[in-house]
Amino acid sequence: MYFELKDATAGILAKSRLHDDLCDLPLDLIGSEREAYDIQATAQDILGFERKGFAIIGTSDASLRALGLTKPVYSEIPPLSLLSGVKELRLPPGAMGVQCEFAITMRRTYPDAGEPIDIETLSDAVRDCRPAIGIIGRRTRRTFAGNNAAIADFGLHAATICGDELHDVSLGELAEIDVTAFLFRQIVFSGKSASVMGHPLNAVAWLARQLAANGRQLEPDDVVATGSCTTIHQVSSGQHLAVDFGPLGQVECVFA
């Protein structure tokens, strides 16, 4: 894809996200992962929003299958898409479904110079972990399979709804949490935190490695949405979703 086409593609994607609109871009023409992340980064620059963190999708086998991906992908989270204390949300055009995930907030820059990237060092860099609902969606009218289309389209991230902070849950417990989702008080799907790469912190470590390969780091107060520990579930306007994360508490939302 030529440089001019990459810039034009990024501009249209940015406009579509800003105005909650859908476009007709042929994202299947993106030739490489590098091109896809370049388009995503340019679109983020056009939007001009300060980054609040990163969203990852495809960190569990079930979510990879549901989204037609072969490996995880990530994107930045702009402020308008990181929500706390929200009880009602209008589903954007192109919404594909929801994922139950963990919102992990960084205490410090990670990794420091020469610091190995692993769960042990990461545990020292994390401030807290919250339950979260991730809204996944496209900005295109047509559905395009594959990693590159998903990456360019803001990693399919639409919004992250965070629950309350709890400071008495140890990070060591995060691999043993059972997660149960309810629609209108009926259990619809469930999962385990270990479905996220064996441990939710492994998703953060994976992201840190991807960023480090490009000379970047996680910064203090960055929120990392880890990707789903359950399958991706479609929701409709008027539905009430509540997700129980055991010791981490609950997060819920009514979709309008």
Protein backbone atom coordinates (compact mmCIF):
# COMPACT_ATOMS: atom_id res chain seq x y z
CA MET A 1 0.00 0.00 0.00
CA TYR A 2 1.48 3.36 -1.05
CA PHE A 3 2.32 6.00 1.56
CA GLU A 4 -0.42 8.31 0.29
CA LEU A 5 -2.99 5.52 0.50
CA LYS A 6 -1.90 4.68 4.05
CA ASP A 7 -2.39 8.30 5.11
CA ALA A 8 -5.78 8.49 3.39
CA THR A 9 -6.86 5.21 4.98
CA ALA A 10 -5.80 6.44 8.43
CA GLY A 11 -7.69 9.70 7.92
CA ILE A 12 -10.92 7.93 7.01
CA LEU A 13 -10.62 5.53 9.95
CA ALA A 14 -10.00 8.44 12.33
CA LYS A 15 -13.03 10.32 11.03
CA SER A 16 -15.18 7.20 11.33
CA ARG A 17 -14.14 6.62 14.94
CA LEU A 18 -14.60 10.25 15.90
CA HIS A 19 -18.12 10.44 14.47
CA ASP A 20 -19.24 6.86 15.27
CA ASP A 21 -19.69 6.25 11.57
CA LEU A 22 -18.90 3.37 9.21
CA CYS A 23 -16.79 3.56 6.07
CA ASP A 24 -16.10 1.48 2.97
CA LEU A 25 -12.33 1.05 3.19
CA PRO A 26 -10.88 -2.14 1.63
CA LEU A 27 -8.73 -3.08 4.61
CA ASP A 28 -8.02 -6.46 3.02
CA LEU A 29 -5.51 -4.66 0.77
CA ILE A 30 -3.12 -3.97 3.67
CA GLY A 31 -0.02 -5.96 2.84
CA SER A 32 1.79 -6.39 6.16
CA GLU A 33 1.51 -6.11 9.91
CA ARG A 34 3.92 -3.16 9.88
CA GLU A 35 1.69 -1.29 7.44
CA ALA A 36 -1.34 -2.05 9.60
CA TYR A 37 0.26 -0.66 12.78
CA ASP A 38 1.52 2.38 10.83
CA ILE A 39 -2.06 3.09 9.69
CA GLN A 40 -3.33 2.67 13.25
CA ALA A 41 -0.65 5.01 14.65
CA THR A 42 -1.34 7.66 12.00
CA ALA A 43 -5.08 7.48 12.70
CA GLN A 44 -4.39 7.93 16.43
CA ASP A 45 -2.21 10.95 15.66
CA ILE A 46 -4.98 12.46 13.52
CA LEU A 47 -7.45 12.06 16.37
CA GLY A 48 -4.96 13.89 18.59
CA PHE A 49 -6.15 12.35 21.85
CA GLU A 50 -3.84 11.71 24.77
CA ARG A 51 -3.28 7.99 25.27
CA LYS A 52 -4.84 6.44 28.37
CA GLY A 53 -3.53 2.94 27.86
CA PHE A 54 -3.71 -0.05 25.55
CA ALA A 55 -6.34 -2.60 24.61
CA ILE A 56 -5.43 -6.13 23.56
CA ILE A 57 -7.68 -8.62 21.80
CA GLY A 58 -7.06 -12.26 20.95
CA THR A 59 -5.33 -13.30 24.17
CA SER A 60 -7.47 -16.45 24.58
CA ASP A 61 -8.09 -19.31 22.19
CA ALA A 62 -11.85 -18.66 22.25
CA SER A 63 -11.48 -15.00 21.31
CA LEU A 64 -8.97 -15.78 18.54
CA ARG A 65 -11.44 -18.20 16.96
CA ALA A 66 -14.38 -15.83 17.34
CA LEU A 67 -12.52 -12.93 15.70
CA GLY A 68 -10.70 -14.87 13.00
CA LEU A 69 -7.24 -13.90 14.26
CA THR A 70 -4.07 -15.95 14.39
CA LYS A 71 -2.42 -14.00 17.23
CA PRO A 72 -3.14 -11.12 19.62
CA VAL A 73 -3.22 -7.51 18.41
CA TYR A 74 -3.25 -4.23 20.32
CA SER A 75 -4.16 -0.57 20.04
CA GLU A 76 -4.02 2.59 22.11
CA ILE A 77 -7.01 3.62 24.20
CA PRO A 78 -8.08 7.27 23.82
CA PRO A 79 -9.69 9.03 26.83
CA LEU A 80 -13.23 8.98 25.43
CA SER A 81 -13.05 5.20 25.15
CA LEU A 82 -11.86 4.44 28.71
CA LEU A 83 -14.90 4.57 30.95
CA SER A 84 -15.39 4.16 34.71
CA GLY A 85 -18.63 4.16 36.68
CA VAL A 86 -20.67 3.97 33.47
CA LYS A 87 -24.00 2.17 33.89
CA GLU A 88 -25.37 2.76 30.39
CA LEU A 89 -23.64 2.84 27.03
CA ARG A 90 -24.92 3.33 23.50
CA LEU A 91 -23.58 0.59 21.28
CA PRO A 92 -21.66 2.17 18.40
CA PRO A 93 -22.31 1.24 14.75
CA GLY A 94 -20.22 -1.77 13.85
CA ALA A 95 -20.26 -3.22 17.38
CA MET A 96 -19.29 -6.89 17.21
CA GLY A 97 -19.65 -7.94 20.83
CA VAL A 98 -18.19 -7.75 24.32
CA GLN A 99 -15.29 -9.37 26.10
CA CYS A 100 -14.74 -9.90 29.81
CA GLU A 101 -11.25 -8.76 30.71
CA PHE A 102 -8.95 -7.25 33.29
CA ALA A 103 -7.97 -3.58 33.37
CA ILE A 104 -4.47 -3.42 34.84
CA THR A 105 -3.02 -0.01 35.77
CA MET A 106 0.71 0.61 35.77
CA ARG A 107 2.43 2.12 38.81
CA ARG A 108 5.66 3.00 37.03
CA THR A 109 7.41 2.96 33.68
CA TYR A 110 7.91 -0.59 32.47
CA PRO A 111 10.34 -1.99 31.66
CA ASP A 112 13.16 0.09 33.03
CA ALA A 113 16.43 0.06 31.08
CA GLY A 114 17.86 -3.46 31.13
CA GLU A 115 14.93 -4.84 33.12
CA PRO A 116 13.74 -8.30 32.04
CA ILE A 117 10.09 -8.54 31.05
CA ASP A 118 8.39 -11.26 33.09
CA ILE A 119 5.64 -11.69 35.66
CA GLU A 120 8.02 -11.20 38.60
CA THR A 121 9.27 -7.77 37.49
CA LEU A 122 5.84 -6.83 36.17
CA SER A 123 4.22 -7.49 39.57
CA ASP A 124 6.35 -4.69 41.00
CA ALA A 125 5.29 -2.30 38.21
CA VAL A 126 1.50 -2.80 38.54
CA ARG A 127 -0.63 -0.54 40.74
CA ASP A 128 -4.01 -2.27 40.62
CA CYS A 129 -6.35 -4.50 38.66
CA ARG A 130 -10.05 -3.93 37.95
CA PRO A 131 -12.77 -5.98 36.29
CA ALA A 132 -13.72 -4.67 32.86
CA ILE A 133 -16.02 -5.11 29.89
CA GLY A 134 -14.47 -4.47 26.49
CA ILE A 135 -16.61 -3.39 23.55
CA ILE A 136 -15.27 -4.70 20.24
CA GLY A 137 -16.27 -3.09 16.97
CA ARG A 138 -15.35 -2.23 13.40
CA ARG A 139 -15.31 1.07 11.57
CA THR A 140 -16.01 -0.61 8.21
CA ARG A 141 -19.32 -1.73 6.74
CA ARG A 142 -17.76 -4.88 5.30
CA THR A 143 -16.23 -7.55 7.49
CA PHE A 144 -12.58 -8.23 6.79
CA ALA A 145 -10.91 -11.28 8.29
CA GLY A 146 -7.30 -11.39 9.36
CA ASN A 147 -4.83 -9.70 11.66
CA ASN A 148 -3.88 -6.74 9.46
CA ALA A 149 -7.42 -5.45 8.97
CA ALA A 150 -8.07 -5.74 12.71
CA ILE A 151 -4.84 -3.94 13.62
CA ALA A 152 -5.44 -1.01 11.27
CA ASP A 153 -9.03 -0.65 12.51
CA PHE A 154 -7.84 0.41 15.98
CA GLY A 155 -7.34 -3.22 16.99
CA LEU A 156 -11.15 -3.55 16.85
CA HIS A 157 -11.30 -1.62 20.13
CA ALA A 158 -14.39 0.52 20.68
CA ALA A 159 -14.54 1.07 24.47
CA THR A 160 -13.40 -0.30 27.82
CA ILE A 161 -15.74 -0.10 30.82
CA CYS A 162 -13.84 -0.45 34.11
CA GLY A 163 -15.23 -1.51 37.47
CA ASP A 164 -14.12 -0.24 40.86
CA GLU A 165 -10.57 -0.50 42.13
CA LEU A 166 -9.88 -3.07 44.83
CA HIS A 167 -6.54 -2.93 46.60
CA ASP A 168 -6.76 -6.09 48.74
CA VAL A 169 -6.50 -8.64 45.93
CA SER A 170 -3.02 -10.04 45.35
CA LEU A 171 -1.73 -10.24 41.81
CA GLY A 172 -0.89 -13.88 42.50
CA GLU A 173 -4.62 -14.63 42.75
CA LEU A 174 -5.36 -13.33 39.27
CA ALA A 175 -4.66 -16.67 37.58
CA GLU A 176 -7.34 -18.42 39.65
CA ILE A 177 -10.40 -16.20 39.16
CA ASP A 178 -13.66 -17.61 37.79
CA VAL A 179 -15.57 -15.12 35.64
CA THR A 180 -19.34 -15.40 35.07
CA ALA A 181 -21.43 -13.15 32.82
CA PHE A 182 -25.18 -12.62 33.20
CA LEU A 183 -27.73 -11.19 30.78
CA PHE A 184 -30.93 -10.27 32.61
CA ARG A 185 -29.67 -12.36 35.57
CA GLN A 186 -29.30 -15.50 33.45
CA ILE A 187 -25.83 -17.03 33.10
CA VAL A 188 -24.84 -16.78 29.43
CA PHE A 189 -21.13 -17.55 29.45
CA SER A 190 -18.22 -18.04 31.81
CA GLY A 191 -14.47 -18.35 31.78
CA LYS A 192 -11.30 -18.41 33.84
CA SER A 193 -8.64 -15.74 34.18
CA ALA A 194 -6.01 -18.31 33.23
CA SER A 195 -7.53 -18.37 29.73
CA VAL A 196 -5.71 -15.08 29.15
CA MET A 197 -2.29 -16.46 28.17
CA GLY A 198 -2.18 -18.55 31.34
CA HIS A 199 -2.24 -15.43 33.56
CA PRO A 200 -3.58 -11.91 32.86
CA LEU A 201 -0.14 -10.47 33.61
CA ASN A 202 1.25 -12.50 30.71
CA ALA A 203 -0.87 -10.35 28.39
CA VAL A 204 0.70 -7.21 29.85
CA ALA A 205 4.17 -8.73 29.49
CA TRP A 206 3.38 -9.63 25.86
CA LEU A 207 2.36 -6.03 25.20
CA ALA A 208 5.49 -4.68 26.91
CA ARG A 209 7.62 -6.81 24.58
CA GLN A 210 5.75 -5.57 21.50
CA LEU A 211 6.27 -1.96 22.59
CA ALA A 212 9.92 -2.50 23.53
CA ALA A 213 10.61 -3.88 20.06
CA ASN A 214 9.61 -0.44 18.76
CA GLY A 215 11.49 1.57 21.38
CA ARG A 216 8.43 2.24 23.53
CA GLN A 217 7.41 1.52 27.13
CA LEU A 218 4.37 1.32 29.32
CA GLU A 219 4.08 4.53 31.34
CA PRO A 220 2.74 5.29 34.85
CA ASP A 221 -1.10 5.31 34.93
CA ASP A 222 -1.37 3.45 31.61
CA VAL A 223 -4.32 1.05 31.70
CA VAL A 224 -3.88 -2.25 29.90
CA ALA A 225 -7.08 -4.08 28.95
CA THR A 226 -5.85 -7.67 28.79
CA GLY A 227 -8.26 -9.24 26.30
CA SER A 228 -11.03 -11.69 27.00
CA CYS A 229 -11.00 -14.64 29.35
CA THR A 230 -14.29 -15.78 27.76
CA THR A 231 -15.61 -16.05 24.25
CA ILE A 232 -16.77 -12.89 22.49
CA HIS A 233 -20.49 -12.45 23.11
CA GLN A 234 -22.87 -10.42 20.98
CA VAL A 235 -25.13 -7.98 22.81
CA SER A 236 -28.08 -5.89 21.66
CA SER A 237 -29.63 -2.57 22.62
CA GLY A 238 -31.76 -2.89 25.73
CA GLN A 239 -29.74 -5.72 27.27
CA HIS A 240 -28.23 -5.57 30.74
CA LEU A 241 -24.87 -7.31 31.15
CA ALA A 242 -23.35 -7.98 34.55
CA VAL A 243 -20.03 -9.80 34.97
CA ASP A 244 -18.86 -11.28 38.26
CA PHE A 245 -15.07 -11.47 38.70
CA GLY A 246 -15.15 -13.11 42.14
CA PRO A 247 -12.70 -11.33 44.50
CA LEU A 248 -12.30 -8.45 42.03
CA GLY A 249 -16.01 -7.57 42.22
CA GLN A 250 -18.47 -6.92 39.44
CA VAL A 251 -18.89 -4.62 36.46
CA GLU A 252 -22.18 -4.07 34.66
CA CYS A 253 -23.73 -2.02 31.89
CA VAL A 254 -27.05 -1.49 30.11
CA PHE A 255 -26.61 -1.17 26.35
CA ALA A 256 -28.75 1.47 24.69
